[in-house]
Amino acid sequence: MTSPHYPVPAGTARTELIVRGSRFIAQVFPTPTVDVAREAIAMVRAAMPDATHHCYAYLVGYGSSTIAGMSDDGEPAGSAGRPMMAVLRGADLGDVTVVVTRYFGGTLLGIGGLVRAYSDATRAVLEIVPRTRRVIYQRITVHLQYSDYTAIRRLLEAHAAVIVEEAFAVDVVITADLPTDHVAVVNHQIGEISAGRARLETATMV
């Protein structure tokens, strides 16, 4: 199960290694979806079309709930994408893509040399990327009476809820996105504030 809060890149980073004449340019991107990961890879390819290889590894999600992808992009099988993925999985980051671009320097590195170079380049860029935490939200709807509106609105704000919509009719309906690990306590406190008059419903966010 994915944690409701997990570490992700706060931005991009780039570094470069020279190994026996070959340039290994490593870049890392925050990529919350597979489509965004693919866009980042395509962007690197477009920016450096004359490079020899653009190898990559990505993880979307975190922990046991991840979608992973990798490519050797023409390097010998298992010499680039797999070692990059091994470093990435050990970096305690989610929603992340690393692309290592190689400009061949004229000297063959062998399988072992390539594994070390791609691993070292991935490790180096992950060491410098800024980090933040992603918060997973749950969509909630609260049905309440006007007399409870101010107190419940303040409660939601105190728990970092993002108000999506408010409807004022016979009663009030508040739709909000609430951090998933706050839902249970907010539900309990809404019951206490309203003496059971208000009702919280949850919906899956797509």
C-alpha atoms as a PDB file:
ATOM      1  CA  MET A   1       0.000   0.000   0.000  1.00  0.00           C
ATOM      2  CA  THR A   2       1.291   3.478  -0.891  1.00  0.00           C
ATOM      3  CA  SER A   3       2.070   5.766   2.045  1.00  0.00           C
ATOM      4  CA  PRO A   4      -0.108   8.906   2.195  1.00  0.00           C
ATOM      5  CA  HIS A   5       3.089  10.960   2.311  1.00  0.00           C
ATOM      6  CA  TYR A   6       6.249   9.963   0.475  1.00  0.00           C
ATOM      7  CA  PRO A   7       9.487  11.577  -0.714  1.00  0.00           C
ATOM      8  CA  VAL A   8       9.609  12.876  -4.295  1.00  0.00           C
ATOM      9  CA  PRO A   9      11.926  15.185  -6.235  1.00  0.00           C
ATOM     10  CA  ALA A  10      11.160  18.854  -5.572  1.00  0.00           C
ATOM     11  CA  GLY A  11      12.577  19.797  -8.965  1.00  0.00           C
ATOM     12  CA  THR A  12      15.072  18.729 -11.585  1.00  0.00           C
ATOM     13  CA  ALA A  13      18.816  18.192 -11.316  1.00  0.00           C
ATOM     14  CA  ARG A  14      21.663  17.524 -13.733  1.00  0.00           C
ATOM     15  CA  THR A  15      25.255  16.400 -13.403  1.00  0.00           C
ATOM     16  CA  GLU A  16      27.931  14.976 -15.676  1.00  0.00           C
ATOM     17  CA  LEU A  17      30.642  12.333 -15.407  1.00  0.00           C
ATOM     18  CA  ILE A  18      33.517  11.654 -17.790  1.00  0.00           C
ATOM     19  CA  VAL A  19      34.587   8.007 -17.967  1.00  0.00           C
ATOM     20  CA  ARG A  20      37.503   7.229 -20.307  1.00  0.00           C
ATOM     21  CA  GLY A  21      36.425   9.912 -22.720  1.00  0.00           C
ATOM     22  CA  SER A  22      32.686   9.165 -22.701  1.00  0.00           C
ATOM     23  CA  ARG A  23      30.351  11.819 -21.302  1.00  0.00           C
ATOM     24  CA  PHE A  24      27.535  10.569 -19.086  1.00  0.00           C
ATOM     25  CA  ILE A  25      24.987  13.339 -18.522  1.00  0.00           C
ATOM     26  CA  ALA A  26      22.520  12.383 -15.775  1.00  0.00           C
ATOM     27  CA  GLN A  27      19.233  14.197 -15.279  1.00  0.00           C
ATOM     28  CA  VAL A  28      16.427  13.596 -12.805  1.00  0.00           C
ATOM     29  CA  PHE A  29      12.807  14.732 -13.109  1.00  0.00           C
ATOM     30  CA  PRO A  30       9.707  14.624 -10.877  1.00  0.00           C
ATOM     31  CA  THR A  31       7.238  12.441 -12.775  1.00  0.00           C
ATOM     32  CA  PRO A  32       3.942  11.652 -11.007  1.00  0.00           C
ATOM     33  CA  THR A  33       2.574   9.622 -13.945  1.00  0.00           C
ATOM     34  CA  VAL A  34       3.959   7.313 -16.628  1.00  0.00           C
ATOM     35  CA  ASP A  35       2.934   9.832 -19.298  1.00  0.00           C
ATOM     36  CA  VAL A  36       4.959  12.566 -17.603  1.00  0.00           C
ATOM     37  CA  ALA A  37       7.934  10.180 -17.338  1.00  0.00           C
ATOM     38  CA  ARG A  38       7.736   9.456 -21.064  1.00  0.00           C
ATOM     39  CA  GLU A  39       7.503  13.180 -21.794  1.00  0.00           C
ATOM     40  CA  ALA A  40      10.661  13.822 -19.760  1.00  0.00           C
ATOM     41  CA  ILE A  41      12.544  11.094 -21.647  1.00  0.00           C
ATOM     42  CA  ALA A  42      11.342  12.460 -24.992  1.00  0.00           C
ATOM     43  CA  MET A  43      12.391  15.973 -23.975  1.00  0.00           C
ATOM     44  CA  VAL A  44      15.940  14.794 -23.226  1.00  0.00           C
ATOM     45  CA  ARG A  45      16.125  12.979 -26.563  1.00  0.00           C
ATOM     46  CA  ALA A  46      14.958  16.100 -28.384  1.00  0.00           C
ATOM     47  CA  ALA A  47      17.436  18.319 -26.536  1.00  0.00           C
ATOM     48  CA  MET A  48      20.432  16.094 -27.339  1.00  0.00           C
ATOM     49  CA  PRO A  49      19.605  14.325 -30.615  1.00  0.00           C
ATOM     50  CA  ASP A  50      23.269  13.671 -31.458  1.00  0.00           C
ATOM     51  CA  ALA A  51      23.940  11.606 -28.305  1.00  0.00           C
ATOM     52  CA  THR A  52      24.876   7.933 -28.603  1.00  0.00           C
ATOM     53  CA  HIS A  53      22.398   6.627 -26.006  1.00  0.00           C
ATOM     54  CA  HIS A  54      19.607   7.911 -23.758  1.00  0.00           C
ATOM     55  CA  CYS A  55      19.169   5.260 -21.051  1.00  0.00           C
ATOM     56  CA  TYR A  56      16.552   5.664 -18.351  1.00  0.00           C
ATOM     57  CA  ALA A  57      14.789   4.283 -15.303  1.00  0.00           C
ATOM     58  CA  TYR A  58      11.617   5.539 -13.674  1.00  0.00           C
ATOM     59  CA  LEU A  59       9.385   4.805 -10.706  1.00  0.00           C
ATOM     60  CA  VAL A  60       5.824   6.098 -10.504  1.00  0.00           C
ATOM     61  CA  GLY A  61       4.341   5.675  -7.038  1.00  0.00           C
ATOM     62  CA  TYR A  62       6.276   4.618  -3.965  1.00  0.00           C
ATOM     63  CA  GLY A  63       7.119   1.537  -1.944  1.00  0.00           C
ATOM     64  CA  SER A  64       5.259  -1.582  -2.986  1.00  0.00           C
ATOM     65  CA  SER A  65       2.803   0.375  -5.165  1.00  0.00           C
ATOM     66  CA  THR A  66       5.022   1.420  -8.064  1.00  0.00           C
ATOM     67  CA  ILE A  67       5.041   1.283 -11.835  1.00  0.00           C
ATOM     68  CA  ALA A  68       8.610   0.858 -13.077  1.00  0.00           C
ATOM     69  CA  GLY A  69      10.228   1.281 -16.477  1.00  0.00           C
ATOM     70  CA  MET A  70      13.775   1.159 -17.790  1.00  0.00           C
ATOM     71  CA  SER A  71      15.746   0.981 -21.033  1.00  0.00           C
ATOM     72  CA  ASP A  72      19.313   0.247 -22.148  1.00  0.00           C
ATOM     73  CA  ASP A  73      18.634   2.211 -25.372  1.00  0.00           C
ATOM     74  CA  GLY A  74      21.062   0.200 -27.452  1.00  0.00           C
ATOM     75  CA  GLU A  75      23.716  -0.411 -24.805  1.00  0.00           C
ATOM     76  CA  PRO A  76      24.460  -4.109 -24.103  1.00  0.00           C
ATOM     77  CA  ALA A  77      21.502  -5.759 -22.352  1.00  0.00           C
ATOM     78  CA  GLY A  78      21.525  -5.188 -18.605  1.00  0.00           C
ATOM     79  CA  SER A  79      24.397  -2.690 -18.650  1.00  0.00           C
ATOM     80  CA  ALA A  80      22.419   0.536 -18.175  1.00  0.00           C
ATOM     81  CA  GLY A  81      18.712   0.422 -17.359  1.00  0.00           C
ATOM     82  CA  ARG A  82      18.975  -2.367 -14.803  1.00  0.00           C
ATOM     83  CA  PRO A  83      21.829  -0.853 -12.733  1.00  0.00           C
ATOM     84  CA  MET A  84      20.136   2.546 -12.937  1.00  0.00           C
ATOM     85  CA  MET A  85      16.937   0.999 -11.600  1.00  0.00           C
ATOM     86  CA  ALA A  86      18.839  -0.700  -8.768  1.00  0.00           C
ATOM     87  CA  VAL A  87      20.230   2.668  -7.647  1.00  0.00           C
ATOM     88  CA  LEU A  88      16.828   4.325  -8.063  1.00  0.00           C
ATOM     89  CA  ARG A  89      15.064   1.719  -5.924  1.00  0.00           C
ATOM     90  CA  GLY A  90      17.593   2.304  -3.167  1.00  0.00           C
ATOM     91  CA  ALA A  91      17.202   6.088  -3.212  1.00  0.00           C
ATOM     92  CA  ASP A  92      13.934   6.284  -1.199  1.00  0.00           C
ATOM     93  CA  LEU A  93      12.135   8.400  -3.797  1.00  0.00           C
ATOM     94  CA  GLY A  94       8.870   8.030  -5.650  1.00  0.00           C
ATOM     95  CA  ASP A  95       7.499   9.639  -8.820  1.00  0.00           C
ATOM     96  CA  VAL A  96      10.985   9.981 -10.281  1.00  0.00           C
ATOM     97  CA  THR A  97      12.691   9.512 -13.631  1.00  0.00           C
ATOM     98  CA  VAL A  98      16.432   9.448 -14.274  1.00  0.00           C
ATOM     99  CA  VAL A  99      17.821   9.733 -17.803  1.00  0.00           C
ATOM    100  CA  VAL A 100      21.529   9.184 -18.428  1.00  0.00           C
ATOM    101  CA  THR A 101      22.688  10.397 -21.829  1.00  0.00           C
ATOM    102  CA  ARG A 102      25.968   9.047 -23.198  1.00  0.00           C
ATOM    103  CA  TYR A 103      28.247  10.632 -25.751  1.00  0.00           C
ATOM    104  CA  PHE A 104      30.666   7.879 -26.800  1.00  0.00           C
ATOM    105  CA  GLY A 105      34.281   8.872 -26.314  1.00  0.00           C
ATOM    106  CA  GLY A 106      35.944   6.296 -28.531  1.00  0.00           C
ATOM    107  CA  THR A 107      36.956   3.787 -25.857  1.00  0.00           C
ATOM    108  CA  LEU A 108      34.861   0.697 -25.149  1.00  0.00           C
ATOM    109  CA  LEU A 109      34.104   0.322 -21.461  1.00  0.00           C
ATOM    110  CA  GLY A 110      32.916  -3.287 -21.380  1.00  0.00           C
ATOM    111  CA  ILE A 111      29.839  -4.504 -19.532  1.00  0.00           C
ATOM    112  CA  GLY A 112      31.346  -3.942 -16.089  1.00  0.00           C
ATOM    113  CA  GLY A 113      32.521  -0.464 -16.964  1.00  0.00           C
ATOM    114  CA  LEU A 114      29.112   0.490 -18.329  1.00  0.00           C
ATOM    115  CA  VAL A 115      27.341  -0.835 -15.238  1.00  0.00           C
ATOM    116  CA  ARG A 116      29.634   1.247 -13.011  1.00  0.00           C
ATOM    117  CA  ALA A 117      29.315   4.359 -15.164  1.00  0.00           C
ATOM    118  CA  TYR A 118      25.517   4.308 -15.368  1.00  0.00           C
ATOM    119  CA  SER A 119      25.221   3.442 -11.669  1.00  0.00           C
ATOM    120  CA  ASP A 120      27.629   6.201 -10.656  1.00  0.00           C
ATOM    121  CA  ALA A 121      25.900   8.790 -12.860  1.00  0.00           C
ATOM    122  CA  THR A 122      22.478   7.879 -11.439  1.00  0.00           C
ATOM    123  CA  ARG A 123      23.777   7.974  -7.880  1.00  0.00           C
ATOM    124  CA  ALA A 124      25.480  11.326  -8.428  1.00  0.00           C
ATOM    125  CA  VAL A 125      22.377  13.084  -9.742  1.00  0.00           C
ATOM    126  CA  LEU A 126      20.125  11.611  -7.047  1.00  0.00           C
ATOM    127  CA  GLU A 127      22.495  12.963  -4.399  1.00  0.00           C
ATOM    128  CA  ILE A 128      21.960  16.551  -5.550  1.00  0.00           C
ATOM    129  CA  VAL A 129      18.252  16.593  -6.421  1.00  0.00           C
ATOM    130  CA  PRO A 130      16.119  18.611  -3.975  1.00  0.00           C
ATOM    131  CA  ARG A 131      13.440  16.611  -2.181  1.00  0.00           C
ATOM    132  CA  THR A 132       9.956  17.253  -0.885  1.00  0.00           C
ATOM    133  CA  ARG A 133       7.010  15.085   0.138  1.00  0.00           C
ATOM    134  CA  ARG A 134       3.946  14.227  -1.870  1.00  0.00           C
ATOM    135  CA  VAL A 135       0.649  14.255  -0.031  1.00  0.00           C
ATOM    136  CA  ILE A 136      -2.136  11.925  -1.206  1.00  0.00           C
ATOM    137  CA  TYR A 137      -5.609  13.383  -0.873  1.00  0.00           C
ATOM    138  CA  GLN A 138      -9.052  11.864  -0.386  1.00  0.00           C
ATOM    139  CA  ARG A 139     -12.105  13.590  -1.860  1.00  0.00           C
ATOM    140  CA  ILE A 140     -14.698  14.147   0.865  1.00  0.00           C
ATOM    141  CA  THR A 141     -18.192  15.621   0.930  1.00  0.00           C
ATOM    142  CA  VAL A 142     -19.597  17.022   4.164  1.00  0.00           C
ATOM    143  CA  HIS A 143     -23.338  17.567   4.562  1.00  0.00           C
ATOM    144  CA  LEU A 144     -24.032  19.987   7.420  1.00  0.00           C
ATOM    145  CA  GLN A 145     -26.406  22.538   8.846  1.00  0.00           C
ATOM    146  CA  TYR A 146     -25.768  26.269   8.675  1.00  0.00           C
ATOM    147  CA  SER A 147     -25.243  26.423  12.438  1.00  0.00           C
ATOM    148  CA  ASP A 148     -22.224  24.120  12.148  1.00  0.00           C
ATOM    149  CA  TYR A 149     -20.712  25.706   9.042  1.00  0.00           C
ATOM    150  CA  THR A 150     -18.129  28.051  10.598  1.00  0.00           C
ATOM    151  CA  ALA A 151     -16.719  25.492  13.028  1.00  0.00           C
ATOM    152  CA  ILE A 152     -16.508  22.729  10.433  1.00  0.00           C
ATOM    153  CA  ARG A 153     -14.965  25.044   7.819  1.00  0.00           C
ATOM    154  CA  ARG A 154     -12.261  25.990  10.334  1.00  0.00           C
ATOM    155  CA  LEU A 155     -11.699  22.333  11.176  1.00  0.00           C
ATOM    156  CA  LEU A 156     -11.160  21.447   7.518  1.00  0.00           C
ATOM    157  CA  GLU A 157      -8.736  24.332   7.047  1.00  0.00           C
ATOM    158  CA  ALA A 158      -6.798  23.281  10.154  1.00  0.00           C
ATOM    159  CA  HIS A 159      -6.306  19.845   8.599  1.00  0.00           C
ATOM    160  CA  ALA A 160      -4.950  21.219   5.305  1.00  0.00           C
ATOM    161  CA  ALA A 161      -8.107  20.506   3.320  1.00  0.00           C
ATOM    162  CA  VAL A 162      -8.396  22.040  -0.145  1.00  0.00           C
ATOM    163  CA  ILE A 163     -11.959  23.292  -0.563  1.00  0.00           C
ATOM    164  CA  VAL A 164     -13.254  22.316  -3.998  1.00  0.00           C
ATOM    165  CA  GLU A 165     -16.871  23.509  -3.835  1.00  0.00           C
ATOM    166  CA  GLU A 166     -19.482  24.791  -1.397  1.00  0.00           C
ATOM    167  CA  ALA A 167     -23.211  24.580  -2.044  1.00  0.00           C
ATOM    168  CA  PHE A 168     -25.703  26.509   0.064  1.00  0.00           C
ATOM    169  CA  ALA A 169     -29.305  25.315  -0.145  1.00  0.00           C
ATOM    170  CA  VAL A 170     -31.554  23.939   2.590  1.00  0.00           C
ATOM    171  CA  ASP A 171     -28.323  22.701   4.163  1.00  0.00           C
ATOM    172  CA  VAL A 172     -24.654  23.223   3.283  1.00  0.00           C
ATOM    173  CA  VAL A 173     -22.558  20.769   1.270  1.00  0.00           C
ATOM    174  CA  ILE A 174     -18.772  21.172   1.296  1.00  0.00           C
ATOM    175  CA  THR A 175     -16.643  19.209  -1.157  1.00  0.00           C
ATOM    176  CA  ALA A 176     -12.938  19.137  -0.306  1.00  0.00           C
ATOM    177  CA  ASP A 177      -9.712  17.220  -0.819  1.00  0.00           C
ATOM    178  CA  LEU A 178      -8.293  16.118   2.528  1.00  0.00           C
ATOM    179  CA  PRO A 179      -4.940  14.401   3.244  1.00  0.00           C
ATOM    180  CA  THR A 180      -5.847  10.735   3.539  1.00  0.00           C
ATOM    181  CA  ASP A 181      -4.298  10.295   6.962  1.00  0.00           C
ATOM    182  CA  HIS A 182      -6.513  13.102   8.340  1.00  0.00           C
ATOM    183  CA  VAL A 183      -9.840  11.639   7.208  1.00  0.00           C
ATOM    184  CA  ALA A 184     -10.550   9.480  10.261  1.00  0.00           C
ATOM    185  CA  VAL A 185      -9.837  12.186  12.833  1.00  0.00           C
ATOM    186  CA  VAL A 186     -11.742  14.838  10.865  1.00  0.00           C
ATOM    187  CA  ASN A 187     -14.723  12.520  10.558  1.00  0.00           C
ATOM    188  CA  HIS A 188     -14.676  11.973  14.318  1.00  0.00           C
ATOM    189  CA  GLN A 189     -14.346  15.682  15.107  1.00  0.00           C
ATOM    190  CA  ILE A 190     -17.137  16.621  12.705  1.00  0.00           C
ATOM    191  CA  GLY A 191     -19.396  14.254  14.602  1.00  0.00           C
ATOM    192  CA  GLU A 192     -18.444  15.887  17.895  1.00  0.00           C
ATOM    193  CA  ILE A 193     -18.779  19.462  16.615  1.00  0.00           C
ATOM    194  CA  SER A 194     -22.206  18.863  15.119  1.00  0.00           C
ATOM    195  CA  ALA A 195     -23.500  16.422  17.753  1.00  0.00           C
ATOM    196  CA  GLY A 196     -24.006  13.939  14.939  1.00  0.00           C
ATOM    197  CA  ARG A 197     -25.944  16.308  12.672  1.00  0.00           C
ATOM    198  CA  ALA A 198     -23.232  16.501   9.983  1.00  0.00           C
ATOM    199  CA  ARG A 199     -22.241  13.630   7.705  1.00  0.00           C
ATOM    200  CA  LEU A 200     -18.913  13.013   5.956  1.00  0.00           C
ATOM    201  CA  GLU A 201     -18.776  10.906   2.809  1.00  0.00           C
ATOM    202  CA  THR A 202     -15.650   9.806   0.947  1.00  0.00           C
ATOM    203  CA  ALA A 203     -15.073   9.218  -2.744  1.00  0.00           C
ATOM    204  CA  THR A 204     -12.110   7.781  -4.624  1.00  0.00           C
ATOM    205  CA  MET A 205     -10.016  10.393  -6.386  1.00  0.00           C
ATOM    206  CA  VAL A 206      -9.085   9.401  -9.949  1.00  0.00           C
END
